[in-house]
Protein backbone atom coordinates (compact mmCIF):
# COMPACT_ATOMS: atom_id res chain seq x y z
CA MET A 1 15.76 24.19 12.16
CA ARG A 2 12.27 22.57 11.33
CA ARG A 3 11.98 19.02 11.22
CA ASP A 4 9.53 17.72 8.51
CA ARG A 5 6.24 16.17 9.71
CA VAL A 6 5.22 12.80 9.34
CA LEU A 7 1.46 11.30 9.47
CA LEU A 8 1.64 7.59 10.12
CA GLY A 9 -1.31 5.19 8.47
CA ASP A 10 -1.10 1.60 10.09
CA ASP A 11 -3.66 -0.48 11.97
CA HIS A 12 -1.35 -2.25 14.11
CA ALA A 13 -0.69 -0.86 17.16
CA LEU A 14 2.97 -2.35 17.92
CA LEU A 15 4.47 -1.90 14.54
CA VAL A 16 2.87 1.71 15.39
CA GLU A 17 4.59 2.16 18.49
CA GLY A 18 7.85 1.11 16.96
CA LEU A 19 7.64 3.21 14.21
CA ARG A 20 6.99 6.19 15.88
CA ARG A 21 10.10 5.91 18.07
CA ILE A 22 12.10 5.19 15.09
CA ILE A 23 10.33 8.38 12.87
CA GLU A 24 10.96 10.75 16.09
CA THR A 25 14.35 10.32 15.82
CA GLU A 26 15.03 12.63 13.29
CA PHE A 27 11.15 13.96 12.08
CA GLU A 28 8.11 15.50 13.79
CA PHE A 29 5.61 12.61 14.18
CA LEU A 30 2.23 14.12 13.79
CA GLY A 31 0.61 11.07 14.72
CA SER A 32 -1.15 8.01 13.56
CA ALA A 33 -4.15 6.78 11.91
CA THR A 34 -5.63 3.00 12.12
CA ASP A 35 -7.74 3.18 8.73
CA GLY A 36 -7.64 4.75 5.49
CA GLU A 37 -10.56 7.15 6.05
CA VAL A 38 -9.13 8.82 9.28
CA LEU A 39 -6.09 9.14 7.75
CA VAL A 40 -7.32 11.10 4.90
CA SER A 41 -9.36 12.98 7.50
CA LYS A 42 -6.25 13.74 9.58
CA ALA A 43 -4.06 14.81 6.52
CA LEU A 44 -6.60 17.73 5.73
CA ARG A 45 -6.40 18.86 9.21
CA LEU A 46 -2.57 18.33 9.93
CA LYS A 47 -1.08 19.06 6.44
CA PRO A 48 1.96 17.00 6.80
CA ASP A 49 5.05 17.21 5.07
CA ILE A 50 5.13 13.25 4.53
CA VAL A 51 2.46 10.61 4.97
CA LEU A 52 3.88 7.41 5.48
CA THR A 53 1.03 4.68 4.80
CA ASP A 54 0.56 0.82 4.28
CA VAL A 55 -1.28 -0.55 1.47
CA SER A 56 -3.88 -2.85 3.37
CA MET A 57 -5.91 -0.65 5.50
CA PRO A 58 -9.25 -0.95 6.99
CA LEU A 59 -12.52 1.09 5.42
CA LEU A 60 -10.23 2.89 2.72
CA ASN A 61 -6.98 1.10 1.44
CA GLY A 62 -3.68 3.15 1.37
CA ILE A 63 -3.75 3.32 -2.11
CA ASP A 64 -6.99 5.07 -2.35
CA ALA A 65 -6.28 7.36 0.81
CA GLY A 66 -3.02 8.31 -0.92
CA ARG A 67 -4.97 9.49 -3.89
CA GLN A 68 -7.33 11.27 -2.19
CA ILE A 69 -4.62 13.08 0.11
CA LYS A 70 -2.36 13.70 -2.91
CA LYS A 71 -5.52 15.05 -4.89
CA ALA A 72 -6.24 17.42 -1.89
CA LEU A 73 -2.75 18.26 -0.78
CA PRO A 74 -0.49 17.84 -4.07
CA GLU A 75 2.63 19.21 -2.16
CA THR A 76 2.20 16.39 0.44
CA LYS A 77 4.65 13.48 -0.35
CA ILE A 78 3.31 9.92 -0.08
CA VAL A 79 5.48 6.88 1.03
CA PHE A 80 4.32 3.59 1.07
CA LEU A 81 5.25 0.85 3.93
CA THR A 82 3.96 -2.47 3.07
CA MET A 83 4.39 -6.31 3.18
CA HIS A 84 3.57 -6.14 -0.49
CA ALA A 85 6.62 -6.87 -2.88
CA ASP A 86 4.29 -6.74 -5.83
CA ILE A 87 5.00 -4.80 -8.75
CA THR A 88 1.20 -3.94 -9.19
CA TYR A 89 1.24 -2.19 -5.99
CA LEU A 90 4.11 -0.44 -7.12
CA GLY A 91 2.68 0.81 -10.05
CA ASP A 92 -0.76 1.91 -8.54
CA ALA A 93 1.53 3.62 -5.56
CA PHE A 94 3.51 5.58 -8.38
CA ARG A 95 0.59 6.42 -10.61
CA LEU A 96 -1.07 8.29 -7.75
CA GLY A 97 1.78 10.12 -7.07
CA ALA A 98 3.53 8.65 -4.43
CA SER A 99 7.56 9.72 -4.27
CA GLY A 100 8.40 6.27 -1.99
CA TYR A 101 7.68 2.50 -1.55
CA ILE A 102 9.35 0.80 1.23
CA LEU A 103 8.80 -3.06 2.12
CA LYS A 104 8.01 -3.89 5.78
CA GLY A 105 10.97 -5.94 6.45
CA SER A 106 13.69 -3.00 6.04
CA THR A 107 15.23 -1.88 9.02
CA GLY A 108 15.20 1.43 10.45
CA ARG A 109 17.94 2.96 9.14
CA MET A 110 16.36 2.20 5.52
CA LEU A 111 12.98 3.96 6.35
CA LEU A 112 14.87 6.67 7.84
CA LYS A 113 16.84 6.93 4.60
CA ALA A 114 13.39 6.29 2.52
CA ILE A 115 11.52 9.26 3.98
CA HIS A 116 14.89 11.54 3.99
CA GLU A 117 15.27 10.85 0.13
CA VAL A 118 11.18 11.62 -0.35
CA ALA A 119 11.79 14.76 1.76
CA ARG A 120 14.42 16.20 -0.62
CA GLY A 121 12.43 16.09 -3.44
CA ARG A 122 13.56 12.55 -4.73
CA THR A 123 11.85 8.92 -4.87
CA TYR A 124 12.87 5.92 -3.24
CA VAL A 125 11.99 2.47 -3.94
CA ALA A 126 12.59 -0.51 -1.98
CA PRO A 127 15.88 -2.40 -3.32
CA GLU A 128 14.52 -5.44 -3.38
CA LEU A 129 12.28 -3.68 -6.02
CA SER A 130 14.21 -1.38 -7.98
CA ARG A 131 15.41 -3.55 -10.22
CA SER A 132 12.17 -5.11 -11.43
CA ILE A 133 10.80 -1.78 -12.12
CA GLU A 134 13.20 -1.25 -15.08
CA ASP A 135 12.00 -4.39 -16.50
CA PRO A 136 10.02 -3.17 -19.55
CA ARG A 137 7.85 -6.34 -19.50
CA LEU A 138 6.90 -6.03 -15.95
CA ARG A 139 6.36 -1.95 -16.94
CA GLN A 140 3.79 -3.06 -19.64
CA ALA A 141 2.15 -5.70 -17.22
CA ILE A 142 1.41 -2.99 -14.88
CA GLU A 143 -0.13 -0.55 -18.05
CA HIS A 144 -1.67 -3.85 -19.80
CA GLY A 145 -2.11 -6.88 -17.72
CA MET A 146 -5.18 -8.28 -16.41
CA VAL A 147 -4.62 -7.66 -12.66
CA ALA A 148 -4.40 -3.68 -13.79
CA GLU A 149 -8.38 -4.28 -14.10
CA LEU A 150 -8.91 -5.06 -10.71
CA THR A 151 -9.26 -1.84 -8.14
CA ALA A 152 -7.03 -1.78 -5.21
CA ARG A 153 -9.80 -3.15 -3.28
CA GLN A 154 -10.03 -6.28 -5.36
CA ARG A 155 -6.05 -7.03 -5.51
CA GLU A 156 -6.05 -7.11 -1.67
CA ILE A 157 -8.96 -9.66 -1.67
CA LEU A 158 -6.98 -11.57 -4.76
CA TRP A 159 -4.03 -11.70 -2.41
CA LEU A 160 -6.12 -12.69 0.44
CA ILE A 161 -7.59 -15.52 -1.27
CA ALA A 162 -4.12 -16.91 -2.29
CA ALA A 163 -2.86 -16.56 0.83
CA GLY A 164 -5.70 -19.16 2.12
CA ARG A 165 -8.04 -17.02 3.80
CA SER A 166 -11.62 -17.59 3.97
CA ASN A 167 -14.78 -14.92 3.37
CA ASP A 168 -14.99 -14.55 7.14
CA GLU A 169 -11.34 -13.95 7.52
CA ILE A 170 -11.05 -11.60 4.76
CA SER A 171 -14.11 -9.84 6.37
CA ALA A 172 -12.41 -9.33 9.47
CA SER A 173 -8.76 -8.52 8.22
CA LEU A 174 -10.30 -5.60 5.94
CA LYS A 175 -12.99 -4.83 8.42
CA ILE A 176 -15.89 -5.05 5.56
CA THR A 177 -18.83 -7.24 5.67
CA ILE A 178 -18.89 -10.48 4.10
CA ALA A 179 -21.29 -9.53 1.44
CA THR A 180 -18.97 -7.05 -0.02
CA VAL A 181 -16.12 -9.46 -0.02
CA ARG A 182 -18.37 -11.90 -2.05
CA PHE A 183 -19.13 -9.09 -4.41
CA HIS A 184 -15.67 -8.10 -5.17
CA ARG A 185 -14.88 -11.77 -5.37
CA SER A 186 -17.22 -12.07 -7.96
CA ALA A 187 -16.04 -9.25 -9.75
CA ILE A 188 -12.65 -10.42 -9.87
CA GLN A 189 -13.88 -13.83 -11.28
CA LYS A 190 -15.88 -12.10 -13.81
CA LYS A 191 -12.67 -9.71 -14.60
CA LEU A 192 -10.30 -12.26 -14.43
CA GLY A 193 -12.47 -15.14 -16.43
CA ILE A 194 -11.80 -17.82 -14.09
CA SER A 195 -13.71 -19.17 -10.85
CA GLY A 196 -12.73 -21.01 -7.59
CA THR A 197 -10.07 -20.89 -4.87
CA ALA A 198 -7.33 -23.19 -6.44
CA ALA A 199 -7.68 -21.26 -10.09
CA LEU A 200 -7.39 -17.87 -8.67
CA THR A 201 -4.57 -18.57 -6.28
CA ARG A 202 -2.91 -20.23 -9.06
CA TYR A 203 -3.72 -16.98 -10.85
CA THR A 204 -2.07 -14.88 -8.23
CA LEU A 205 1.35 -16.76 -8.02
CA ALA A 206 1.92 -17.05 -11.78
CA HIS A 207 1.47 -12.81 -11.61
CA ASN A 208 2.88 -12.12 -8.26
CA SER A 209 6.35 -14.33 -8.57
CA SER A 210 8.15 -11.18 -6.61
CA CYS A 211 5.59 -11.26 -3.98
CA ALA A 212 6.55 -11.78 -0.02
CA SER A 213 4.44 -13.63 2.35
């Protein structure tokens, strides 16, 4: 019996090895990519049934990579495995056509369940978030809130600013130049109409009450 073929996108070597062992118990593991650009390239070449990817990826974030993959390979299903318990990221994921969204704190059994559900043509959302997405106020916030005006990369940077990361640390974490960090930071402040690390942090906390650290 043919197993569904899974391609993994994550830049943490130890996590990739652990995920590979879990995935291989019930699926065909096609390999992994450590940045979003390589993930897109491998997906176009290997044509996986399912792409399992993090949101925060170097060079090209998981949201943008997933969008490119879905456009080129509409039959390929996208599942996000991430630390971001953020309704805005969740909204971005499903707007691009993703089928699943699961948190990195989940068990291996939950991960396999999510992949199986998606493989059957269903959607899967982490239990911690499933109730939240039914709240019409949060749906409205996704579509019309100020955070929705930011790009996926800008939301990543805003999250890291709120986590207390310096420009140098954000640059190293996302593998982008400090000049790029400063450019996005300036754009964030203009779009939100606020400035300064403290104000950005307060804004992030106020708009991401469901976020996990």
